[in-house]
Amino acid sequence: ADYMMACHEIAHYAYDSKKMKHAWNEVVQAVEGKDGFTFKGNVSRYAWYDKYSYSKKIDEAHSECFAMIANPEYKHGMLPKAVEDYFYNNYFKAAEG
């Protein structure tokens, strides 16, 4: 749990650019509610917490997905391809191969 929490918090710092936020917003709009996938249902309740504004929900969804993919137990395909592509292309390039 501590590892996942640390990854979540690191993701908030790694996400600090308008370009990254714009790209993530496009991913969220492409996958949320599609093919039965929701961040709240498939990632965590915190990833799409009801009381948060839309932009805060997007930020938390980003950090929760980052932590999920950074987990050594993560298996390819647990998240939609667009989500995986975003993280592998922007954060985990060196870890792929």
C-alpha atoms as a PDB file:
ATOM      1  CA  ALA A   1       0.000   0.000   0.000  1.00  0.00           C
ATOM      2  CA  ASP A   2       2.838   2.415   0.773  1.00  0.00           C
ATOM      3  CA  TYR A   3       4.399   1.726  -2.640  1.00  0.00           C
ATOM      4  CA  MET A   4       1.123   2.487  -4.414  1.00  0.00           C
ATOM      5  CA  MET A   5       0.605   5.664  -2.383  1.00  0.00           C
ATOM      6  CA  ALA A   6       4.116   6.849  -3.210  1.00  0.00           C
ATOM      7  CA  CYS A   7       3.556   6.176  -6.923  1.00  0.00           C
ATOM      8  CA  HIS A   8       0.258   8.061  -6.781  1.00  0.00           C
ATOM      9  CA  GLU A   9       1.912  11.134  -5.240  1.00  0.00           C
ATOM     10  CA  ILE A  10       4.876  11.005  -7.661  1.00  0.00           C
ATOM     11  CA  ALA A  11       2.379  10.985 -10.515  1.00  0.00           C
ATOM     12  CA  HIS A  12       0.963  14.336  -9.374  1.00  0.00           C
ATOM     13  CA  TYR A  13       4.421  15.884  -9.825  1.00  0.00           C
ATOM     14  CA  ALA A  14       5.128  14.104 -13.112  1.00  0.00           C
ATOM     15  CA  TYR A  15       1.862  15.410 -14.564  1.00  0.00           C
ATOM     16  CA  ASP A  16       2.628  19.092 -14.230  1.00  0.00           C
ATOM     17  CA  SER A  17       2.460  20.391 -17.791  1.00  0.00           C
ATOM     18  CA  LYS A  18      -0.353  21.696 -19.960  1.00  0.00           C
ATOM     19  CA  LYS A  19       0.666  19.366 -22.784  1.00  0.00           C
ATOM     20  CA  MET A  20       0.431  16.277 -20.569  1.00  0.00           C
ATOM     21  CA  LYS A  21      -2.876  17.393 -19.061  1.00  0.00           C
ATOM     22  CA  HIS A  22      -4.361  18.061 -22.487  1.00  0.00           C
ATOM     23  CA  ALA A  23      -3.281  14.633 -23.750  1.00  0.00           C
ATOM     24  CA  TRP A  24      -4.659  12.916 -20.634  1.00  0.00           C
ATOM     25  CA  ASN A  25      -7.965  14.795 -20.949  1.00  0.00           C
ATOM     26  CA  GLU A  26      -8.318  13.402 -24.470  1.00  0.00           C
ATOM     27  CA  VAL A  27      -7.663   9.866 -23.185  1.00  0.00           C
ATOM     28  CA  VAL A  28     -10.240  10.289 -20.403  1.00  0.00           C
ATOM     29  CA  GLN A  29     -12.870  11.496 -22.850  1.00  0.00           C
ATOM     30  CA  ALA A  30     -12.095   8.586 -25.183  1.00  0.00           C
ATOM     31  CA  VAL A  31     -12.428   5.828 -22.573  1.00  0.00           C
ATOM     32  CA  GLU A  32     -14.701   6.958 -19.710  1.00  0.00           C
ATOM     33  CA  GLY A  33     -18.012   5.146 -20.067  1.00  0.00           C
ATOM     34  CA  LYS A  34     -16.939   3.233 -23.192  1.00  0.00           C
ATOM     35  CA  ASP A  35     -17.216  -0.558 -23.351  1.00  0.00           C
ATOM     36  CA  GLY A  36     -18.264  -0.670 -19.695  1.00  0.00           C
ATOM     37  CA  PHE A  37     -15.078   1.045 -18.462  1.00  0.00           C
ATOM     38  CA  THR A  38     -15.240   3.755 -15.811  1.00  0.00           C
ATOM     39  CA  PHE A  39     -12.364   5.085 -13.751  1.00  0.00           C
ATOM     40  CA  LYS A  40     -14.496   4.837 -10.603  1.00  0.00           C
ATOM     41  CA  GLY A  41     -15.490   1.227 -11.290  1.00  0.00           C
ATOM     42  CA  ASN A  42     -12.339  -0.166 -12.915  1.00  0.00           C
ATOM     43  CA  VAL A  43      -9.507   1.772 -11.262  1.00  0.00           C
ATOM     44  CA  SER A  44     -10.682   3.025  -7.866  1.00  0.00           C
ATOM     45  CA  ARG A  45     -13.460   5.027  -6.287  1.00  0.00           C
ATOM     46  CA  TYR A  46     -10.887   7.716  -5.535  1.00  0.00           C
ATOM     47  CA  ALA A  47     -10.011   7.972  -9.234  1.00  0.00           C
ATOM     48  CA  TRP A  48     -13.395   9.545  -9.922  1.00  0.00           C
ATOM     49  CA  TYR A  49     -14.544  10.743  -6.510  1.00  0.00           C
ATOM     50  CA  ASP A  50     -18.003  12.327  -6.747  1.00  0.00           C
ATOM     51  CA  LYS A  51     -17.343  15.504  -4.767  1.00  0.00           C
ATOM     52  CA  TYR A  52     -14.402  16.542  -6.954  1.00  0.00           C
ATOM     53  CA  SER A  53     -14.632  18.940  -9.847  1.00  0.00           C
ATOM     54  CA  TYR A  54     -14.126  17.471 -13.316  1.00  0.00           C
ATOM     55  CA  SER A  55     -10.493  18.679 -13.507  1.00  0.00           C
ATOM     56  CA  LYS A  56      -9.706  17.267 -10.049  1.00  0.00           C
ATOM     57  CA  LYS A  57     -11.275  13.931 -11.055  1.00  0.00           C
ATOM     58  CA  ILE A  58      -9.054  13.845 -14.136  1.00  0.00           C
ATOM     59  CA  ASP A  59      -5.967  14.561 -12.000  1.00  0.00           C
ATOM     60  CA  GLU A  60      -6.819  11.808  -9.524  1.00  0.00           C
ATOM     61  CA  ALA A  61      -7.654   9.329 -12.290  1.00  0.00           C
ATOM     62  CA  HIS A  62      -4.225  10.067 -13.773  1.00  0.00           C
ATOM     63  CA  SER A  63      -2.412   9.413 -10.508  1.00  0.00           C
ATOM     64  CA  GLU A  64      -4.421   6.280  -9.731  1.00  0.00           C
ATOM     65  CA  CYS A  65      -3.724   4.827 -13.198  1.00  0.00           C
ATOM     66  CA  PHE A  66      -0.036   5.748 -12.924  1.00  0.00           C
ATOM     67  CA  ALA A  67       0.188   3.881  -9.606  1.00  0.00           C
ATOM     68  CA  MET A  68      -1.705   0.921 -11.029  1.00  0.00           C
ATOM     69  CA  ILE A  69       0.597   0.582 -14.052  1.00  0.00           C
ATOM     70  CA  ALA A  70       3.717   1.127 -11.917  1.00  0.00           C
ATOM     71  CA  ASN A  71       2.715  -1.799  -9.718  1.00  0.00           C
ATOM     72  CA  PRO A  72       4.902  -4.824 -10.544  1.00  0.00           C
ATOM     73  CA  GLU A  73       1.750  -6.974 -10.471  1.00  0.00           C
ATOM     74  CA  TYR A  74       0.078  -4.950 -13.238  1.00  0.00           C
ATOM     75  CA  LYS A  75      -0.806  -7.050 -16.281  1.00  0.00           C
ATOM     76  CA  HIS A  76      -1.043  -5.629 -19.792  1.00  0.00           C
ATOM     77  CA  GLY A  77      -4.679  -5.163 -20.754  1.00  0.00           C
ATOM     78  CA  MET A  78      -6.030  -4.377 -17.286  1.00  0.00           C
ATOM     79  CA  LEU A  79      -6.694  -0.826 -18.481  1.00  0.00           C
ATOM     80  CA  PRO A  80      -7.943   0.313 -21.904  1.00  0.00           C
ATOM     81  CA  LYS A  81      -5.295   0.485 -24.630  1.00  0.00           C
ATOM     82  CA  ALA A  82      -5.537   4.288 -24.843  1.00  0.00           C
ATOM     83  CA  VAL A  83      -4.718   4.573 -21.124  1.00  0.00           C
ATOM     84  CA  GLU A  84      -1.810   2.141 -21.373  1.00  0.00           C
ATOM     85  CA  ASP A  85      -0.467   3.863 -24.497  1.00  0.00           C
ATOM     86  CA  TYR A  86      -0.539   7.255 -22.760  1.00  0.00           C
ATOM     87  CA  PHE A  87       1.494   5.983 -19.801  1.00  0.00           C
ATOM     88  CA  TYR A  88       3.888   3.777 -21.757  1.00  0.00           C
ATOM     89  CA  ASN A  89       4.588   6.549 -24.278  1.00  0.00           C
ATOM     90  CA  ASN A  90       5.017   9.319 -21.698  1.00  0.00           C
ATOM     91  CA  TYR A  91       6.391   7.717 -18.530  1.00  0.00           C
ATOM     92  CA  PHE A  92       7.396   4.082 -18.847  1.00  0.00           C
ATOM     93  CA  LYS A  93       9.329   3.948 -22.120  1.00  0.00           C
ATOM     94  CA  ALA A  94      12.503   2.524 -20.563  1.00  0.00           C
ATOM     95  CA  ALA A  95      10.579  -0.039 -18.511  1.00  0.00           C
ATOM     96  CA  GLU A  96       8.834  -1.613 -21.506  1.00  0.00           C
ATOM     97  CA  GLY A  97      11.591  -3.616 -23.012  1.00  0.00           C
END
